[in-house]
Amino acid sequence: MHGVKPMLTRRDCLVGSGLLLSATSGLSAATVATSAEKPDTRIADPTFNTELIGRLQGDLSGRQRWLHNPGFVFATIPGQALAPADFGRLLYRVEGFTSRISRRLDDGSVEERSQSWMFYRHAEEDRWLEKFENPWTGEKLEAPPFRGGPTHSWLRPATGPELEGGVGLESTAIGRPPSLNWRIHDNSVWLTRHAASRLQAGPTVRNEFSIDQWVCRLEHVFDSRRTHVPASYSWTSQAEWQPWLRMGNRPGGLLWRVDSVVLDDLSQLPAAFVERMQKLLPGKLQERLTW
C-alpha cells in the first residue's frame, strides 16, 4: 500500500478548514442561558468563539492530540409514503483517526495542522469492508481502502475559516466571524454550528450540509487556563452519493453520523484500528506533526 496516494475529498477539505462546521449567526445571550440570570458576554464574542473552537478541536498549547472517529453512513431516498426500508438504510460504517496540532496567533486566529484517515467497515459484521454490493444496482464494487490526508488551516475572528489549497471550495461559513449556538443547562453546555458547502474539482461539483456539536462542562469552557476543553463531539452531514458507489443520477444521497472524542494518548485507540492503520498506512499513526 505504500504506492497508494491519499484520496482527499470534500469532507477532508471541510475538516481541515474548520468548516465542519462553520459558524452560524448564533443565539443571543438572552436566549441561551437557562440557568443563569446574567449570561457571560463572551458567548457572543467572535474572538472568544474562535479560540474556544480551537480548544475544543485540539490543544492551543501546541501539544499534539488525536481523535478516534467511528460512525455510520446511511442512504436516504426522496419520496412520499415510502416503505421504511426503501426510505433509509444503513450502507456501511466508517472508522477514522485525526491527529492535530493547534496554536493561537497574535491576531486571535487559530492555526491548525492535521491529518485524517478513514476506513470503511461492514454495516453489520465486525470486519473491514473490502467489497460492497450496491443494493440498487446489484453491482459488486471495490470499497476504497482508505481516504484522507494532511491539511493546513486557519480560523480567523473576522472572516472565519481559511484553508491552504482550498481552491474551488465555497461555504456559508467563509467570510464571516465564527460564532456558536449555545444551550446551557446547569453545568452542561451544548455548542453547535452548521454550514452548507460546495466544492468544484474539475468538472465535478458537489454539495454538502453539515452540523457539528460539542457537549462539555460550562466551567471548562470559561476556564482560560485550559488550553484544551474536554468534550464529546458529533458530526452529522447530508451529502451526495460517493462516486465509488456508482449511483449516477439516481435520486437520494447519504446521511453521515460520526461521534468522536479527543484522546490523551494513542494507547486509547482500539487494537483492531491500530492494526489497520499499521497495515495500510505504516508510520502514519506515530507521525509527529510540525509547523
C-alpha atoms as a PDB file:
ATOM      1  CA  MET A   1       0.000   0.000   0.000  1.00  0.00           C
ATOM      2  CA  HIS A   2       2.994   2.339   0.019  1.00  0.00           C
ATOM      3  CA  GLY A   3       2.170   3.458  -3.510  1.00  0.00           C
ATOM      4  CA  VAL A   4      -1.454   4.400  -2.755  1.00  0.00           C
ATOM      5  CA  LYS A   5      -1.979   8.150  -2.772  1.00  0.00           C
ATOM      6  CA  PRO A   6      -4.216   9.846  -0.189  1.00  0.00           C
ATOM      7  CA  MET A   7      -7.721  10.439  -1.513  1.00  0.00           C
ATOM      8  CA  LEU A   8      -8.562  13.992  -0.499  1.00  0.00           C
ATOM      9  CA  THR A   9     -12.290  14.632  -0.560  1.00  0.00           C
ATOM     10  CA  ARG A  10     -14.733  17.424   0.068  1.00  0.00           C
ATOM     11  CA  ARG A  11     -15.069  16.286   3.668  1.00  0.00           C
ATOM     12  CA  ASP A  12     -11.288  16.291   4.172  1.00  0.00           C
ATOM     13  CA  CYS A  13     -11.203  19.912   2.986  1.00  0.00           C
ATOM     14  CA  LEU A  14     -14.017  20.825   5.338  1.00  0.00           C
ATOM     15  CA  VAL A  15     -12.478  19.051   8.317  1.00  0.00           C
ATOM     16  CA  GLY A  16      -9.151  20.755   7.771  1.00  0.00           C
ATOM     17  CA  SER A  17     -10.612  24.215   7.356  1.00  0.00           C
ATOM     18  CA  GLY A  18     -12.908  24.074  10.375  1.00  0.00           C
ATOM     19  CA  LEU A  19     -15.942  24.186   8.076  1.00  0.00           C
ATOM     20  CA  LEU A  20     -17.318  21.107   9.747  1.00  0.00           C
ATOM     21  CA  LEU A  21     -18.872  23.031  10.813  1.00  0.00           C
ATOM     22  CA  SER A  22     -18.726  26.659  10.421  1.00  0.00           C
ATOM     23  CA  ALA A  23     -20.197  29.455  12.308  1.00  0.00           C
ATOM     24  CA  THR A  24     -23.803  30.450  12.051  1.00  0.00           C
ATOM     25  CA  SER A  25     -25.392  33.613  13.349  1.00  0.00           C
ATOM     26  CA  GLY A  26     -25.620  32.149  16.846  1.00  0.00           C
ATOM     27  CA  LEU A  27     -28.253  32.670  19.511  1.00  0.00           C
ATOM     28  CA  SER A  28     -28.458  35.836  21.564  1.00  0.00           C
ATOM     29  CA  ALA A  29     -27.090  35.802  25.089  1.00  0.00           C
ATOM     30  CA  ALA A  30     -30.621  36.252  26.416  1.00  0.00           C
ATOM     31  CA  THR A  31     -31.771  33.058  24.712  1.00  0.00           C
ATOM     32  CA  VAL A  32     -29.033  30.630  25.554  1.00  0.00           C
ATOM     33  CA  ALA A  33     -28.713  30.753  29.307  1.00  0.00           C
ATOM     34  CA  THR A  34     -31.362  28.669  31.024  1.00  0.00           C
ATOM     35  CA  SER A  35     -29.573  28.505  34.353  1.00  0.00           C
ATOM     36  CA  ALA A  36     -28.092  31.961  34.853  1.00  0.00           C
ATOM     37  CA  GLU A  37     -29.706  35.382  35.102  1.00  0.00           C
ATOM     38  CA  LYS A  38     -26.676  37.087  33.560  1.00  0.00           C
ATOM     39  CA  PRO A  39     -25.109  35.165  30.677  1.00  0.00           C
ATOM     40  CA  ASP A  40     -21.393  35.594  30.144  1.00  0.00           C
ATOM     41  CA  THR A  41     -20.862  38.279  27.479  1.00  0.00           C
ATOM     42  CA  ARG A  42     -18.097  36.186  25.868  1.00  0.00           C
ATOM     43  CA  ILE A  43     -20.807  33.977  24.333  1.00  0.00           C
ATOM     44  CA  ALA A  44     -21.268  36.500  21.514  1.00  0.00           C
ATOM     45  CA  ASP A  45     -17.581  37.423  21.119  1.00  0.00           C
ATOM     46  CA  PRO A  46     -16.101  36.119  17.806  1.00  0.00           C
ATOM     47  CA  THR A  47     -12.559  36.192  19.214  1.00  0.00           C
ATOM     48  CA  PHE A  48     -13.606  34.091  22.209  1.00  0.00           C
ATOM     49  CA  ASN A  49     -15.522  31.659  19.989  1.00  0.00           C
ATOM     50  CA  THR A  50     -12.562  31.329  17.615  1.00  0.00           C
ATOM     51  CA  GLU A  51     -10.292  30.391  20.494  1.00  0.00           C
ATOM     52  CA  LEU A  52     -12.951  28.114  22.004  1.00  0.00           C
ATOM     53  CA  ILE A  53     -13.310  26.135  18.768  1.00  0.00           C
ATOM     54  CA  GLY A  54      -9.534  25.718  18.757  1.00  0.00           C
ATOM     55  CA  ARG A  55      -9.620  24.500  22.367  1.00  0.00           C
ATOM     56  CA  LEU A  56     -12.426  22.048  21.579  1.00  0.00           C
ATOM     57  CA  GLN A  57     -10.840  20.612  18.425  1.00  0.00           C
ATOM     58  CA  GLY A  58      -7.289  20.457  19.738  1.00  0.00           C
ATOM     59  CA  ASP A  59      -4.883  21.903  22.276  1.00  0.00           C
ATOM     60  CA  LEU A  60      -3.676  25.504  21.954  1.00  0.00           C
ATOM     61  CA  SER A  61      -0.566  24.683  23.944  1.00  0.00           C
ATOM     62  CA  GLY A  62       0.756  23.113  20.741  1.00  0.00           C
ATOM     63  CA  ARG A  63       0.545  19.600  22.145  1.00  0.00           C
ATOM     64  CA  GLN A  64      -0.373  17.025  19.506  1.00  0.00           C
ATOM     65  CA  ARG A  65      -3.793  15.490  20.066  1.00  0.00           C
ATOM     66  CA  TRP A  66      -5.564  12.521  18.484  1.00  0.00           C
ATOM     67  CA  LEU A  67      -9.222  11.781  17.720  1.00  0.00           C
ATOM     68  CA  HIS A  68     -10.900   8.429  17.174  1.00  0.00           C
ATOM     69  CA  ASN A  69     -13.854   8.918  14.781  1.00  0.00           C
ATOM     70  CA  PRO A  70     -16.263   5.964  14.379  1.00  0.00           C
ATOM     71  CA  GLY A  71     -19.583   6.456  12.623  1.00  0.00           C
ATOM     72  CA  PHE A  72     -22.341   5.328  10.259  1.00  0.00           C
ATOM     73  CA  VAL A  73     -23.286   6.123   6.655  1.00  0.00           C
ATOM     74  CA  PHE A  74     -26.962   5.852   5.702  1.00  0.00           C
ATOM     75  CA  ALA A  75     -28.717   6.169   2.340  1.00  0.00           C
ATOM     76  CA  THR A  76     -31.866   8.281   2.138  1.00  0.00           C
ATOM     77  CA  ILE A  77     -34.240   8.218  -0.842  1.00  0.00           C
ATOM     78  CA  PRO A  78     -36.713  11.051  -1.532  1.00  0.00           C
ATOM     79  CA  GLY A  79     -40.391  10.237  -1.940  1.00  0.00           C
ATOM     80  CA  GLN A  80     -43.730  10.186  -0.172  1.00  0.00           C
ATOM     81  CA  ALA A  81     -45.007   7.299   1.954  1.00  0.00           C
ATOM     82  CA  LEU A  82     -42.133   5.004   1.015  1.00  0.00           C
ATOM     83  CA  ALA A  83     -41.686   1.737   2.856  1.00  0.00           C
ATOM     84  CA  PRO A  84     -39.259   2.315   5.753  1.00  0.00           C
ATOM     85  CA  ALA A  85     -36.597   0.071   4.197  1.00  0.00           C
ATOM     86  CA  ASP A  86     -36.867   1.996   0.917  1.00  0.00           C
ATOM     87  CA  PHE A  87     -36.638   5.428   2.519  1.00  0.00           C
ATOM     88  CA  GLY A  88     -33.488   4.889   4.586  1.00  0.00           C
ATOM     89  CA  ARG A  89     -30.938   2.156   5.197  1.00  0.00           C
ATOM     90  CA  LEU A  90     -27.523   1.701   6.752  1.00  0.00           C
ATOM     91  CA  LEU A  91     -24.984   1.150   3.960  1.00  0.00           C
ATOM     92  CA  TYR A  92     -21.731   0.788   5.880  1.00  0.00           C
ATOM     93  CA  ARG A  93     -19.838   2.031   8.886  1.00  0.00           C
ATOM     94  CA  VAL A  94     -16.679   4.119   8.988  1.00  0.00           C
ATOM     95  CA  GLU A  95     -13.808   4.396  11.452  1.00  0.00           C
ATOM     96  CA  GLY A  96     -11.390   7.277  11.341  1.00  0.00           C
ATOM     97  CA  PHE A  97      -8.434   8.908  13.018  1.00  0.00           C
ATOM     98  CA  THR A  98      -7.257  12.521  13.190  1.00  0.00           C
ATOM     99  CA  SER A  99      -4.011  13.902  14.572  1.00  0.00           C
ATOM    100  CA  ARG A 100      -3.804  17.667  15.102  1.00  0.00           C
ATOM    101  CA  ILE A 101      -1.589  20.441  16.414  1.00  0.00           C
ATOM    102  CA  SER A 102      -3.041  23.887  17.122  1.00  0.00           C
ATOM    103  CA  ARG A 103      -1.811  27.295  18.174  1.00  0.00           C
ATOM    104  CA  ARG A 104      -3.252  30.740  18.815  1.00  0.00           C
ATOM    105  CA  LEU A 105      -1.748  33.563  16.736  1.00  0.00           C
ATOM    106  CA  ASP A 106      -1.170  37.166  17.824  1.00  0.00           C
ATOM    107  CA  ASP A 107      -4.205  38.414  15.873  1.00  0.00           C
ATOM    108  CA  GLY A 108      -6.526  35.981  17.705  1.00  0.00           C
ATOM    109  CA  SER A 109      -6.648  33.449  14.864  1.00  0.00           C
ATOM    110  CA  VAL A 110      -6.208  29.721  15.461  1.00  0.00           C
ATOM    111  CA  GLU A 111      -3.834  27.854  13.141  1.00  0.00           C
ATOM    112  CA  GLU A 112      -4.040  24.079  12.738  1.00  0.00           C
ATOM    113  CA  ARG A 113      -2.138  21.323  11.002  1.00  0.00           C
ATOM    114  CA  SER A 114      -3.820  17.959  10.915  1.00  0.00           C
ATOM    115  CA  GLN A 115      -4.063  14.700   9.054  1.00  0.00           C
ATOM    116  CA  SER A 116      -7.116  12.484   8.945  1.00  0.00           C
ATOM    117  CA  TRP A 117      -7.620   8.935   7.707  1.00  0.00           C
ATOM    118  CA  MET A 118     -10.829   6.943   7.409  1.00  0.00           C
ATOM    119  CA  PHE A 119     -11.569   3.270   6.697  1.00  0.00           C
ATOM    120  CA  TYR A 120     -14.823   1.564   5.719  1.00  0.00           C
ATOM    121  CA  ARG A 121     -16.426  -1.181   7.820  1.00  0.00           C
ATOM    122  CA  HIS A 122     -19.202  -3.665   7.077  1.00  0.00           C
ATOM    123  CA  ALA A 123     -22.632  -2.406   8.116  1.00  0.00           C
ATOM    124  CA  GLU A 124     -23.438  -5.332  10.427  1.00  0.00           C
ATOM    125  CA  GLU A 125     -20.399  -7.567  10.686  1.00  0.00           C
ATOM    126  CA  ASP A 126     -17.260  -6.852  12.684  1.00  0.00           C
ATOM    127  CA  ARG A 127     -14.903  -6.627   9.711  1.00  0.00           C
ATOM    128  CA  TRP A 128     -13.387  -4.106   7.341  1.00  0.00           C
ATOM    129  CA  LEU A 129     -15.247  -3.522   4.103  1.00  0.00           C
ATOM    130  CA  GLU A 130     -13.381  -4.803   1.052  1.00  0.00           C
ATOM    131  CA  LYS A 131     -16.281  -5.442  -1.345  1.00  0.00           C
ATOM    132  CA  PHE A 132     -19.661  -3.709  -1.370  1.00  0.00           C
ATOM    133  CA  GLU A 133     -22.777  -4.856  -3.214  1.00  0.00           C
ATOM    134  CA  ASN A 134     -24.838  -1.876  -4.329  1.00  0.00           C
ATOM    135  CA  PRO A 135     -28.397  -2.712  -3.148  1.00  0.00           C
ATOM    136  CA  TRP A 136     -29.975  -0.755  -6.023  1.00  0.00           C
ATOM    137  CA  THR A 137     -27.841  -1.840  -8.969  1.00  0.00           C
ATOM    138  CA  GLY A 138     -26.630  -5.229  -7.719  1.00  0.00           C
ATOM    139  CA  GLU A 139     -23.116  -4.252  -8.777  1.00  0.00           C
ATOM    140  CA  LYS A 140     -20.252  -5.597  -6.658  1.00  0.00           C
ATOM    141  CA  LEU A 141     -17.852  -2.756  -6.009  1.00  0.00           C
ATOM    142  CA  GLU A 142     -14.347  -2.387  -4.622  1.00  0.00           C
ATOM    143  CA  ALA A 143     -14.589  -0.303  -1.448  1.00  0.00           C
ATOM    144  CA  PRO A 144     -11.778   2.275  -1.208  1.00  0.00           C
ATOM    145  CA  PRO A 145      -9.089   1.069   1.237  1.00  0.00           C
ATOM    146  CA  PHE A 146      -8.980   4.475   2.918  1.00  0.00           C
ATOM    147  CA  ARG A 147      -9.376   8.177   2.319  1.00  0.00           C
ATOM    148  CA  GLY A 148      -7.884  11.277   3.853  1.00  0.00           C
ATOM    149  CA  GLY A 149      -4.680  13.240   4.055  1.00  0.00           C
ATOM    150  CA  PRO A 150      -2.989  16.306   5.575  1.00  0.00           C
ATOM    151  CA  THR A 151      -4.487  19.782   5.886  1.00  0.00           C
ATOM    152  CA  HIS A 152      -3.297  23.227   6.986  1.00  0.00           C
ATOM    153  CA  SER A 153      -5.938  25.767   8.037  1.00  0.00           C
ATOM    154  CA  TRP A 154      -6.707  28.936   9.959  1.00  0.00           C
ATOM    155  CA  LEU A 155      -9.799  30.157  11.783  1.00  0.00           C
ATOM    156  CA  ARG A 156      -9.974  33.987  11.788  1.00  0.00           C
ATOM    157  CA  PRO A 157     -12.092  36.043  14.236  1.00  0.00           C
ATOM    158  CA  ALA A 158     -13.239  38.395  11.464  1.00  0.00           C
ATOM    159  CA  THR A 159     -13.507  36.150   8.415  1.00  0.00           C
ATOM    160  CA  GLY A 160     -13.882  32.570   9.634  1.00  0.00           C
ATOM    161  CA  PRO A 161     -12.114  29.554   8.109  1.00  0.00           C
ATOM    162  CA  GLU A 162      -9.297  29.641   5.592  1.00  0.00           C
ATOM    163  CA  LEU A 163      -7.793  26.531   4.014  1.00  0.00           C
ATOM    164  CA  GLU A 164      -4.429  26.176   2.308  1.00  0.00           C
ATOM    165  CA  GLY A 165      -5.119  24.975  -1.211  1.00  0.00           C
ATOM    166  CA  GLY A 166      -8.881  25.398  -0.787  1.00  0.00           C
ATOM    167  CA  VAL A 167      -9.455  26.462  -4.407  1.00  0.00           C
ATOM    168  CA  GLY A 168     -12.985  25.682  -5.574  1.00  0.00           C
ATOM    169  CA  LEU A 169     -14.450  25.496  -2.066  1.00  0.00           C
ATOM    170  CA  GLU A 170     -17.412  27.718  -1.202  1.00  0.00           C
ATOM    171  CA  SER A 171     -19.194  27.764   2.156  1.00  0.00           C
ATOM    172  CA  THR A 172     -21.721  29.786   4.099  1.00  0.00           C
ATOM    173  CA  ALA A 173     -19.020  29.900   6.798  1.00  0.00           C
ATOM    174  CA  ILE A 174     -16.371  31.717   4.811  1.00  0.00           C
ATOM    175  CA  GLY A 175     -16.137  35.494   5.159  1.00  0.00           C
ATOM    176  CA  ARG A 176     -17.977  35.856   8.460  1.00  0.00           C
ATOM    177  CA  PRO A 177     -16.929  35.817  12.138  1.00  0.00           C
ATOM    178  CA  PRO A 178     -17.101  32.426  13.881  1.00  0.00           C
ATOM    179  CA  SER A 179     -19.968  32.033  16.302  1.00  0.00           C
ATOM    180  CA  LEU A 180     -21.641  29.160  18.095  1.00  0.00           C
ATOM    181  CA  ASN A 181     -25.177  28.281  19.084  1.00  0.00           C
ATOM    182  CA  TRP A 182     -25.209  27.785  22.850  1.00  0.00           C
ATOM    183  CA  ARG A 183     -27.582  25.791  25.055  1.00  0.00           C
ATOM    184  CA  ILE A 184     -26.771  25.785  28.742  1.00  0.00           C
ATOM    185  CA  HIS A 185     -28.364  23.657  31.429  1.00  0.00           C
ATOM    186  CA  ASP A 186     -26.864  23.638  34.912  1.00  0.00           C
ATOM    187  CA  ASN A 187     -23.150  22.995  34.310  1.00  0.00           C
ATOM    188  CA  SER A 188     -23.548  21.370  30.883  1.00  0.00           C
ATOM    189  CA  VAL A 189     -23.320  23.213  27.583  1.00  0.00           C
ATOM    190  CA  TRP A 190     -24.213  22.137  24.045  1.00  0.00           C
ATOM    191  CA  LEU A 191     -22.291  24.050  21.365  1.00  0.00           C
ATOM    192  CA  THR A 192     -23.411  23.687  17.735  1.00  0.00           C
ATOM    193  CA  ARG A 193     -22.744  25.247  14.353  1.00  0.00           C
ATOM    194  CA  HIS A 194     -23.769  24.437  10.781  1.00  0.00           C
ATOM    195  CA  ALA A 195     -22.702  25.207   7.231  1.00  0.00           C
ATOM    196  CA  ALA A 196     -23.599  24.484   3.620  1.00  0.00           C
ATOM    197  CA  SER A 197     -20.726  23.982   1.195  1.00  0.00           C
ATOM    198  CA  ARG A 198     -19.988  23.467  -2.477  1.00  0.00           C
ATOM    199  CA  LEU A 199     -16.731  22.110  -3.871  1.00  0.00           C
ATOM    200  CA  GLN A 200     -15.750  22.083  -7.509  1.00  0.00           C
ATOM    201  CA  ALA A 201     -12.956  19.731  -8.543  1.00  0.00           C
ATOM    202  CA  GLY A 202     -12.535  19.827 -12.305  1.00  0.00           C
ATOM    203  CA  PRO A 203     -15.932  19.253 -13.948  1.00  0.00           C
ATOM    204  CA  THR A 204     -17.439  17.777 -10.771  1.00  0.00           C
ATOM    205  CA  VAL A 205     -19.439  19.984  -8.383  1.00  0.00           C
ATOM    206  CA  ARG A 206     -20.681  18.550  -5.091  1.00  0.00           C
ATOM    207  CA  ASN A 207     -22.745  19.939  -2.211  1.00  0.00           C
ATOM    208  CA  GLU A 208     -22.907  19.107   1.485  1.00  0.00           C
ATOM    209  CA  PHE A 209     -24.752  20.391   4.553  1.00  0.00           C
ATOM    210  CA  SER A 210     -23.241  19.614   7.944  1.00  0.00           C
ATOM    211  CA  ILE A 211     -23.893  20.099  11.644  1.00  0.00           C
ATOM    212  CA  ASP A 212     -21.357  19.560  14.393  1.00  0.00           C
ATOM    213  CA  GLN A 213     -21.836  19.656  18.128  1.00  0.00           C
ATOM    214  CA  TRP A 214     -19.718  19.561  21.255  1.00  0.00           C
ATOM    215  CA  VAL A 215     -21.102  18.687  24.692  1.00  0.00           C
ATOM    216  CA  CYS A 216     -18.914  19.762  27.608  1.00  0.00           C
ATOM    217  CA  ARG A 217     -18.853  21.341  31.062  1.00  0.00           C
ATOM    218  CA  LEU A 218     -19.546  25.052  31.308  1.00  0.00           C
ATOM    219  CA  GLU A 219     -16.825  25.552  33.902  1.00  0.00           C
ATOM    220  CA  HIS A 220     -14.253  24.171  31.425  1.00  0.00           C
ATOM    221  CA  VAL A 221     -15.412  26.476  28.626  1.00  0.00           C
ATOM    222  CA  PHE A 222     -14.814  29.630  30.660  1.00  0.00           C
ATOM    223  CA  ASP A 223     -11.623  28.434  32.345  1.00  0.00           C
ATOM    224  CA  SER A 224      -8.990  30.386  30.389  1.00  0.00           C
ATOM    225  CA  ARG A 225      -6.211  28.271  31.915  1.00  0.00           C
ATOM    226  CA  ARG A 226      -7.410  25.268  29.903  1.00  0.00           C
ATOM    227  CA  THR A 227      -5.755  25.071  26.507  1.00  0.00           C
ATOM    228  CA  HIS A 228      -7.993  22.108  25.667  1.00  0.00           C
ATOM    229  CA  VAL A 229     -11.678  21.690  26.588  1.00  0.00           C
ATOM    230  CA  PRO A 230     -12.701  18.011  27.046  1.00  0.00           C
ATOM    231  CA  ALA A 231     -15.916  17.330  25.104  1.00  0.00           C
ATOM    232  CA  SER A 232     -17.981  14.717  23.333  1.00  0.00           C
ATOM    233  CA  TYR A 233     -18.156  15.600  19.646  1.00  0.00           C
ATOM    234  CA  SER A 234     -20.654  14.603  16.949  1.00  0.00           C
ATOM    235  CA  TRP A 235     -20.809  15.387  13.245  1.00  0.00           C
ATOM    236  CA  THR A 236     -23.915  14.943  11.090  1.00  0.00           C
ATOM    237  CA  SER A 237     -23.847  15.578   7.356  1.00  0.00           C
ATOM    238  CA  GLN A 238     -26.223  15.345   4.419  1.00  0.00           C
ATOM    239  CA  ALA A 239     -24.250  14.795   1.216  1.00  0.00           C
ATOM    240  CA  GLU A 240     -24.443  13.453  -2.309  1.00  0.00           C
ATOM    241  CA  TRP A 241     -23.652   9.881  -3.272  1.00  0.00           C
ATOM    242  CA  GLN A 242     -19.983   8.999  -3.071  1.00  0.00           C
ATOM    243  CA  PRO A 243     -18.620   8.486  -6.613  1.00  0.00           C
ATOM    244  CA  TRP A 244     -17.368   4.964  -5.863  1.00  0.00           C
ATOM    245  CA  LEU A 245     -20.980   3.826  -5.260  1.00  0.00           C
ATOM    246  CA  ARG A 246     -21.661   4.399  -8.981  1.00  0.00           C
ATOM    247  CA  MET A 247     -25.190   5.721  -8.389  1.00  0.00           C
ATOM    248  CA  GLY A 248     -25.206   8.039 -11.400  1.00  0.00           C
ATOM    249  CA  ASN A 249     -28.192  10.403 -11.317  1.00  0.00           C
ATOM    250  CA  ARG A 250     -30.283   8.187  -9.043  1.00  0.00           C
ATOM    251  CA  PRO A 251     -32.271  10.387  -6.593  1.00  0.00           C
ATOM    252  CA  GLY A 252     -31.124  10.382  -2.985  1.00  0.00           C
ATOM    253  CA  GLY A 253     -27.940  10.806  -1.040  1.00  0.00           C
ATOM    254  CA  LEU A 254     -26.029   9.984   2.117  1.00  0.00           C
ATOM    255  CA  LEU A 255     -26.519  10.832   5.761  1.00  0.00           C
ATOM    256  CA  TRP A 256     -23.299  10.658   7.789  1.00  0.00           C
ATOM    257  CA  ARG A 257     -23.108  10.454  11.580  1.00  0.00           C
ATOM    258  CA  VAL A 258     -19.731  10.383  13.351  1.00  0.00           C
ATOM    259  CA  ASP A 259     -19.158  10.547  17.121  1.00  0.00           C
ATOM    260  CA  SER A 260     -15.656  11.165  18.398  1.00  0.00           C
ATOM    261  CA  VAL A 261     -13.576  12.266  21.338  1.00  0.00           C
ATOM    262  CA  VAL A 262     -10.107  13.787  21.691  1.00  0.00           C
ATOM    263  CA  LEU A 263      -7.672  11.238  23.128  1.00  0.00           C
ATOM    264  CA  ASP A 264      -4.809  11.847  25.511  1.00  0.00           C
ATOM    265  CA  ASP A 265      -2.695   9.020  24.145  1.00  0.00           C
ATOM    266  CA  LEU A 266      -2.544   6.664  21.155  1.00  0.00           C
ATOM    267  CA  SER A 267      -2.834   3.694  23.519  1.00  0.00           C
ATOM    268  CA  GLN A 268      -6.548   4.555  23.834  1.00  0.00           C
ATOM    269  CA  LEU A 269      -7.206   3.561  20.215  1.00  0.00           C
ATOM    270  CA  PRO A 270      -8.842   0.137  19.613  1.00  0.00           C
ATOM    271  CA  ALA A 271      -6.319  -2.578  18.796  1.00  0.00           C
ATOM    272  CA  ALA A 272      -8.081  -3.561  15.535  1.00  0.00           C
ATOM    273  CA  PHE A 273      -7.938   0.020  14.301  1.00  0.00           C
ATOM    274  CA  VAL A 274      -4.241   0.350  15.151  1.00  0.00           C
ATOM    275  CA  GLU A 275      -3.572  -2.870  13.217  1.00  0.00           C
ATOM    276  CA  ARG A 276      -5.448  -1.486  10.192  1.00  0.00           C
ATOM    277  CA  MET A 277      -3.501   1.762  10.280  1.00  0.00           C
ATOM    278  CA  GLN A 278      -0.173  -0.030  10.513  1.00  0.00           C
ATOM    279  CA  LYS A 279      -1.087  -2.304   7.609  1.00  0.00           C
ATOM    280  CA  LEU A 280      -2.363   0.308   5.131  1.00  0.00           C
ATOM    281  CA  LEU A 281      -0.622   3.466   6.352  1.00  0.00           C
ATOM    282  CA  PRO A 282       2.568   2.341   8.094  1.00  0.00           C
ATOM    283  CA  GLY A 283       4.143   5.011  10.259  1.00  0.00           C
ATOM    284  CA  LYS A 284       1.264   7.500   9.928  1.00  0.00           C
ATOM    285  CA  LEU A 285      -0.170   6.736  13.360  1.00  0.00           C
ATOM    286  CA  GLN A 286       3.017   7.715  15.201  1.00  0.00           C
ATOM    287  CA  GLU A 287       3.948  10.582  12.873  1.00  0.00           C
ATOM    288  CA  ARG A 288       4.697  13.837  14.681  1.00  0.00           C
ATOM    289  CA  LEU A 289       3.204  16.981  13.163  1.00  0.00           C
ATOM    290  CA  THR A 290       5.311  20.132  12.981  1.00  0.00           C
ATOM    291  CA  TRP A 291       4.856  23.710  11.882  1.00  0.00           C
END
